Amino acid sequence: MKTKFTKKVGFHRGKPRIYFQEPADEMAKLMFGPGQEYFVKPFSPVAEQVGVVGVSLLTRLSDGPRRKVCKKVVGVRTLCIIDLNAGLDMFAAGDVVNVEFCHGHIVIWKDKP
């Protein structure tokens, strides 16, 4: 599994959408296993000062609505599904964003225009 890559923002039901489907054993090592709760937080103003906007997905406790990592079984493989289709106001469909998977968080960002 790549830990740093670019991804195109999709479009679903009139809103931007970012969708990840990754092997469960690898995601569990990053604390994003099936059923794990996570929170979506916009970047702080400090991050915006360095010319980027984005969100962090955090597994530690945070304010805001909780979401869960879903799972999908394909044959003998179990995949983790993270589907972000709300709270992505800083992204538009078709944007290319940077993604970095880290232990306990996923960071998604783009350069300011």
N, C-alpha and C. Protein backbone atom coordinates (compact mmCIF):
# COMPACT_ATOMS: atom_id res chain seq x y z
N MET A 1 0.85 -1.19 0.00
CA MET A 1 0.00 0.00 0.00
C MET A 1 0.89 1.24 0.00
N LYS A 2 0.56 2.18 -0.86
CA LYS A 2 1.28 3.45 -0.88
C LYS A 2 0.87 4.25 0.35
N THR A 3 1.81 4.98 0.93
CA THR A 3 1.46 5.81 2.08
C THR A 3 1.38 7.28 1.71
N LYS A 4 1.87 7.66 0.53
CA LYS A 4 1.77 9.04 0.07
C LYS A 4 1.52 9.01 -1.43
N PHE A 5 0.43 9.65 -1.88
CA PHE A 5 0.07 9.61 -3.28
C PHE A 5 -0.89 10.75 -3.60
N THR A 6 -1.23 10.91 -4.87
CA THR A 6 -2.24 11.89 -5.28
C THR A 6 -3.50 11.14 -5.69
N LYS A 7 -4.63 11.83 -5.58
CA LYS A 7 -5.92 11.21 -5.89
C LYS A 7 -6.84 12.29 -6.44
N LYS A 8 -7.68 11.92 -7.39
CA LYS A 8 -8.64 12.85 -7.95
C LYS A 8 -9.93 12.82 -7.13
N VAL A 9 -10.46 13.99 -6.82
CA VAL A 9 -11.71 14.09 -6.07
C VAL A 9 -12.86 13.76 -7.01
N GLY A 10 -13.71 12.84 -6.59
CA GLY A 10 -14.86 12.45 -7.40
C GLY A 10 -16.07 13.31 -7.10
N PHE A 11 -17.21 12.86 -7.57
CA PHE A 11 -18.47 13.59 -7.44
C PHE A 11 -19.56 12.57 -7.20
N HIS A 12 -20.36 12.77 -6.15
CA HIS A 12 -21.45 11.84 -5.84
C HIS A 12 -22.61 12.61 -5.23
N ARG A 13 -23.78 12.51 -5.84
CA ARG A 13 -24.99 13.18 -5.36
C ARG A 13 -24.78 14.67 -5.11
N GLY A 14 -24.12 15.31 -6.04
CA GLY A 14 -23.95 16.75 -5.98
C GLY A 14 -22.86 17.25 -5.06
N LYS A 15 -22.05 16.35 -4.49
CA LYS A 15 -21.02 16.77 -3.54
C LYS A 15 -19.68 16.12 -3.89
N PRO A 16 -18.58 16.79 -3.51
CA PRO A 16 -17.27 16.16 -3.72
C PRO A 16 -17.16 14.87 -2.91
N ARG A 17 -16.41 13.91 -3.45
CA ARG A 17 -16.28 12.61 -2.78
C ARG A 17 -14.86 12.08 -2.92
N ILE A 18 -14.31 11.61 -1.80
CA ILE A 18 -13.02 10.94 -1.79
C ILE A 18 -13.25 9.56 -1.20
N TYR A 19 -12.81 8.54 -1.92
CA TYR A 19 -13.12 7.15 -1.59
C TYR A 19 -11.84 6.34 -1.54
N PHE A 20 -11.63 5.63 -0.43
CA PHE A 20 -10.47 4.74 -0.29
C PHE A 20 -10.96 3.31 -0.09
N GLN A 21 -10.31 2.37 -0.74
CA GLN A 21 -10.58 0.94 -0.59
C GLN A 21 -9.22 0.26 -0.50
N GLU A 22 -8.82 -0.12 0.71
CA GLU A 22 -7.48 -0.64 0.95
C GLU A 22 -7.54 -1.95 1.73
N PRO A 23 -6.50 -2.79 1.64
CA PRO A 23 -6.48 -4.06 2.39
C PRO A 23 -6.60 -3.83 3.90
N ALA A 24 -7.46 -4.60 4.55
CA ALA A 24 -7.75 -4.40 5.97
C ALA A 24 -6.54 -4.61 6.86
N ASP A 25 -5.69 -5.61 6.54
CA ASP A 25 -4.54 -5.86 7.40
C ASP A 25 -3.57 -4.68 7.39
N GLU A 26 -3.39 -4.04 6.25
CA GLU A 26 -2.51 -2.88 6.17
C GLU A 26 -3.13 -1.66 6.84
N MET A 27 -4.44 -1.48 6.69
CA MET A 27 -5.12 -0.34 7.32
C MET A 27 -5.15 -0.49 8.84
N ALA A 28 -5.27 -1.72 9.33
CA ALA A 28 -5.29 -1.95 10.78
C ALA A 28 -3.96 -1.52 11.40
N LYS A 29 -2.86 -1.70 10.68
CA LYS A 29 -1.55 -1.26 11.18
C LYS A 29 -1.52 0.26 11.37
N LEU A 30 -2.33 0.98 10.58
CA LEU A 30 -2.39 2.44 10.66
C LEU A 30 -3.52 2.91 11.57
N MET A 31 -4.17 1.97 12.27
CA MET A 31 -5.28 2.24 13.18
C MET A 31 -6.58 2.60 12.46
N PHE A 32 -6.74 2.17 11.20
CA PHE A 32 -7.98 2.40 10.45
C PHE A 32 -8.59 1.07 10.03
N GLY A 33 -8.64 0.11 10.96
CA GLY A 33 -9.23 -1.19 10.67
C GLY A 33 -10.74 -1.12 10.62
N PRO A 34 -11.40 -2.19 10.15
CA PRO A 34 -12.86 -2.22 10.07
C PRO A 34 -13.50 -1.91 11.42
N GLY A 35 -14.49 -1.01 11.41
CA GLY A 35 -15.21 -0.64 12.62
C GLY A 35 -14.56 0.47 13.43
N GLN A 36 -13.33 0.83 13.10
CA GLN A 36 -12.63 1.89 13.83
C GLN A 36 -13.34 3.23 13.62
N GLU A 37 -13.58 3.95 14.71
CA GLU A 37 -14.16 5.28 14.59
C GLU A 37 -13.08 6.28 14.21
N TYR A 38 -13.48 7.29 13.43
CA TYR A 38 -12.56 8.37 13.09
C TYR A 38 -13.35 9.66 12.97
N PHE A 39 -12.64 10.76 12.96
CA PHE A 39 -13.22 12.09 12.90
C PHE A 39 -12.56 12.86 11.76
N VAL A 40 -13.33 13.73 11.13
CA VAL A 40 -12.79 14.57 10.06
C VAL A 40 -12.63 15.98 10.60
N LYS A 41 -11.42 16.52 10.52
CA LYS A 41 -11.14 17.87 11.01
C LYS A 41 -10.50 18.70 9.91
N PRO A 42 -11.03 19.91 9.64
CA PRO A 42 -10.34 20.80 8.69
C PRO A 42 -8.99 21.20 9.26
N PHE A 43 -8.07 21.54 8.38
CA PHE A 43 -6.77 22.03 8.83
C PHE A 43 -6.94 23.29 9.66
N SER A 44 -6.00 23.50 10.54
CA SER A 44 -5.99 24.71 11.37
C SER A 44 -5.55 25.91 10.53
N PRO A 45 -5.82 27.12 11.02
CA PRO A 45 -5.36 28.32 10.31
C PRO A 45 -3.85 28.34 10.09
N VAL A 46 -3.09 27.71 10.97
CA VAL A 46 -1.63 27.66 10.79
C VAL A 46 -1.29 26.97 9.48
N ALA A 47 -1.97 25.86 9.18
CA ALA A 47 -1.71 25.13 7.93
C ALA A 47 -2.07 26.00 6.73
N GLU A 48 -3.16 26.77 6.84
CA GLU A 48 -3.57 27.61 5.72
C GLU A 48 -2.53 28.70 5.43
N GLN A 49 -1.78 29.11 6.44
CA GLN A 49 -0.78 30.14 6.23
C GLN A 49 0.39 29.65 5.39
N VAL A 50 0.62 28.34 5.33
CA VAL A 50 1.72 27.83 4.51
C VAL A 50 1.25 27.46 3.10
N GLY A 51 0.04 27.84 2.73
CA GLY A 51 -0.41 27.69 1.36
C GLY A 51 -1.14 26.42 1.02
N VAL A 52 -1.68 25.70 2.00
CA VAL A 52 -2.46 24.51 1.70
C VAL A 52 -3.78 24.55 2.45
N VAL A 53 -4.77 23.84 1.91
CA VAL A 53 -6.04 23.64 2.60
C VAL A 53 -6.33 22.15 2.57
N GLY A 54 -7.03 21.66 3.58
CA GLY A 54 -7.34 20.25 3.58
C GLY A 54 -7.99 19.79 4.87
N VAL A 55 -8.02 18.46 5.05
CA VAL A 55 -8.62 17.85 6.21
C VAL A 55 -7.71 16.75 6.73
N SER A 56 -7.88 16.43 8.00
CA SER A 56 -7.22 15.29 8.61
C SER A 56 -8.28 14.32 9.09
N LEU A 57 -8.05 13.04 8.91
CA LEU A 57 -8.90 12.00 9.49
C LEU A 57 -8.15 11.49 10.70
N LEU A 58 -8.77 11.57 11.86
CA LEU A 58 -8.09 11.25 13.11
C LEU A 58 -8.79 10.09 13.81
N THR A 59 -8.02 9.15 14.35
CA THR A 59 -8.63 8.07 15.12
C THR A 59 -8.73 8.41 16.60
N ARG A 60 -8.02 9.44 17.04
CA ARG A 60 -8.12 9.82 18.45
C ARG A 60 -9.36 10.67 18.66
N LEU A 61 -9.76 10.81 19.92
CA LEU A 61 -10.98 11.56 20.23
C LEU A 61 -10.87 13.00 19.76
N SER A 62 -11.96 13.50 19.26
CA SER A 62 -12.00 14.85 18.72
C SER A 62 -13.45 15.32 18.73
N ASP A 63 -13.64 16.61 18.55
CA ASP A 63 -15.00 17.14 18.41
C ASP A 63 -15.52 16.81 17.03
N GLY A 64 -16.82 16.80 16.90
CA GLY A 64 -17.41 16.56 15.60
C GLY A 64 -18.03 15.19 15.49
N PRO A 65 -18.76 14.98 14.39
CA PRO A 65 -19.44 13.70 14.22
C PRO A 65 -18.45 12.56 14.01
N ARG A 66 -18.77 11.43 14.61
CA ARG A 66 -17.95 10.23 14.46
C ARG A 66 -18.36 9.49 13.20
N ARG A 67 -17.37 8.91 12.56
CA ARG A 67 -17.61 8.06 11.40
C ARG A 67 -16.91 6.74 11.64
N LYS A 68 -17.27 5.72 10.89
CA LYS A 68 -16.64 4.40 11.05
C LYS A 68 -16.08 3.91 9.74
N VAL A 69 -14.96 3.20 9.85
CA VAL A 69 -14.38 2.54 8.69
C VAL A 69 -15.25 1.31 8.39
N CYS A 70 -15.70 1.19 7.16
CA CYS A 70 -16.52 0.04 6.75
C CYS A 70 -15.63 -1.05 6.19
N LYS A 71 -16.21 -2.24 6.01
CA LYS A 71 -15.43 -3.32 5.42
C LYS A 71 -16.21 -3.96 4.29
N LYS A 72 -15.45 -4.57 3.39
CA LYS A 72 -16.02 -5.25 2.23
C LYS A 72 -15.20 -6.52 2.04
N VAL A 73 -15.86 -7.66 1.90
CA VAL A 73 -15.16 -8.92 1.70
C VAL A 73 -15.28 -9.30 0.23
N VAL A 74 -14.11 -9.50 -0.40
CA VAL A 74 -14.04 -9.90 -1.81
C VAL A 74 -13.25 -11.19 -1.85
N GLY A 75 -13.94 -12.30 -2.05
CA GLY A 75 -13.27 -13.61 -2.00
C GLY A 75 -12.77 -13.87 -0.60
N VAL A 76 -11.45 -14.02 -0.47
CA VAL A 76 -10.86 -14.25 0.85
C VAL A 76 -10.24 -12.98 1.42
N ARG A 77 -10.30 -11.90 0.65
CA ARG A 77 -9.71 -10.63 1.09
C ARG A 77 -10.74 -9.75 1.78
N THR A 78 -10.31 -9.08 2.84
CA THR A 78 -11.14 -8.08 3.50
C THR A 78 -10.55 -6.71 3.20
N LEU A 79 -11.40 -5.79 2.74
CA LEU A 79 -10.97 -4.44 2.40
C LEU A 79 -11.62 -3.44 3.35
N CYS A 80 -10.89 -2.38 3.68
CA CYS A 80 -11.44 -1.27 4.46
C CYS A 80 -11.93 -0.21 3.49
N ILE A 81 -13.07 0.35 3.79
CA ILE A 81 -13.67 1.38 2.96
C ILE A 81 -13.79 2.66 3.79
N ILE A 82 -13.22 3.74 3.28
CA ILE A 82 -13.42 5.08 3.86
C ILE A 82 -14.00 5.92 2.74
N ASP A 83 -15.22 6.39 2.94
CA ASP A 83 -15.96 7.14 1.92
C ASP A 83 -16.27 8.52 2.49
N LEU A 84 -15.58 9.52 2.00
CA LEU A 84 -15.80 10.90 2.46
C LEU A 84 -16.63 11.63 1.43
N ASN A 85 -17.87 11.94 1.78
CA ASN A 85 -18.71 12.68 0.85
C ASN A 85 -19.43 13.83 1.53
N ALA A 86 -18.97 14.21 2.70
CA ALA A 86 -19.53 15.37 3.40
C ALA A 86 -18.39 16.04 4.16
N GLY A 87 -18.48 17.34 4.34
CA GLY A 87 -17.45 18.06 5.06
C GLY A 87 -16.20 18.33 4.25
N LEU A 88 -16.32 18.26 2.92
CA LEU A 88 -15.16 18.49 2.06
C LEU A 88 -15.34 19.77 1.26
N ASP A 89 -15.84 20.82 1.89
CA ASP A 89 -16.18 22.05 1.19
C ASP A 89 -14.98 22.72 0.53
N MET A 90 -13.77 22.43 1.01
CA MET A 90 -12.58 23.06 0.43
C MET A 90 -12.13 22.39 -0.86
N PHE A 91 -12.75 21.27 -1.22
CA PHE A 91 -12.41 20.54 -2.44
C PHE A 91 -13.57 20.60 -3.42
N ALA A 92 -13.24 20.52 -4.71
CA ALA A 92 -14.26 20.46 -5.75
C ALA A 92 -14.03 19.19 -6.56
N ALA A 93 -15.10 18.68 -7.15
CA ALA A 93 -14.96 17.49 -8.01
C ALA A 93 -13.94 17.79 -9.10
N GLY A 94 -13.03 16.86 -9.31
CA GLY A 94 -12.00 17.03 -10.32
C GLY A 94 -10.68 17.55 -9.77
N ASP A 95 -10.67 18.10 -8.55
CA ASP A 95 -9.42 18.53 -7.94
C ASP A 95 -8.49 17.34 -7.75
N VAL A 96 -7.21 17.57 -7.86
CA VAL A 96 -6.23 16.55 -7.54
C VAL A 96 -5.67 16.91 -6.16
N VAL A 97 -5.79 15.97 -5.22
CA VAL A 97 -5.36 16.22 -3.85
C VAL A 97 -4.20 15.28 -3.50
N ASN A 98 -3.43 15.69 -2.51
CA ASN A 98 -2.36 14.87 -1.96
C ASN A 98 -2.92 14.11 -0.77
N VAL A 99 -2.51 12.86 -0.62
CA VAL A 99 -2.98 12.01 0.47
C VAL A 99 -1.77 11.39 1.14
N GLU A 100 -1.76 11.41 2.47
CA GLU A 100 -0.70 10.75 3.22
C GLU A 100 -1.32 9.94 4.35
N PHE A 101 -1.07 8.62 4.33
CA PHE A 101 -1.52 7.73 5.38
C PHE A 101 -0.42 7.66 6.45
N CYS A 102 -0.78 7.93 7.68
CA CYS A 102 0.15 7.87 8.81
C CYS A 102 -0.50 7.06 9.92
N HIS A 103 0.25 6.75 10.95
CA HIS A 103 -0.28 5.99 12.08
C HIS A 103 -1.29 6.85 12.84
N GLY A 104 -2.57 6.49 12.79
CA GLY A 104 -3.60 7.20 13.52
C GLY A 104 -4.20 8.39 12.82
N HIS A 105 -3.72 8.73 11.63
CA HIS A 105 -4.37 9.80 10.89
C HIS A 105 -4.07 9.71 9.39
N ILE A 106 -4.97 10.29 8.63
CA ILE A 106 -4.82 10.41 7.18
C ILE A 106 -4.96 11.89 6.87
N VAL A 107 -4.03 12.43 6.12
CA VAL A 107 -4.06 13.85 5.78
C VAL A 107 -4.35 13.97 4.28
N ILE A 108 -5.32 14.84 3.95
CA ILE A 108 -5.69 15.10 2.55
C ILE A 108 -5.60 16.60 2.35
N TRP A 109 -4.81 17.04 1.36
CA TRP A 109 -4.66 18.46 1.17
C TRP A 109 -4.41 18.80 -0.29
N LYS A 110 -4.61 20.10 -0.60
CA LYS A 110 -4.26 20.62 -1.92
C LYS A 110 -3.64 21.99 -1.73
N ASP A 111 -2.86 22.39 -2.71
CA ASP A 111 -2.29 23.73 -2.68
C ASP A 111 -3.39 24.75 -2.94
N LYS A 112 -3.26 25.91 -2.31
CA LYS A 112 -4.22 26.97 -2.58
C LYS A 112 -4.04 27.46 -4.02
N PRO A 113 -5.15 27.82 -4.68
CA PRO A 113 -5.02 28.32 -6.07
C PRO A 113 -4.34 29.67 -6.11
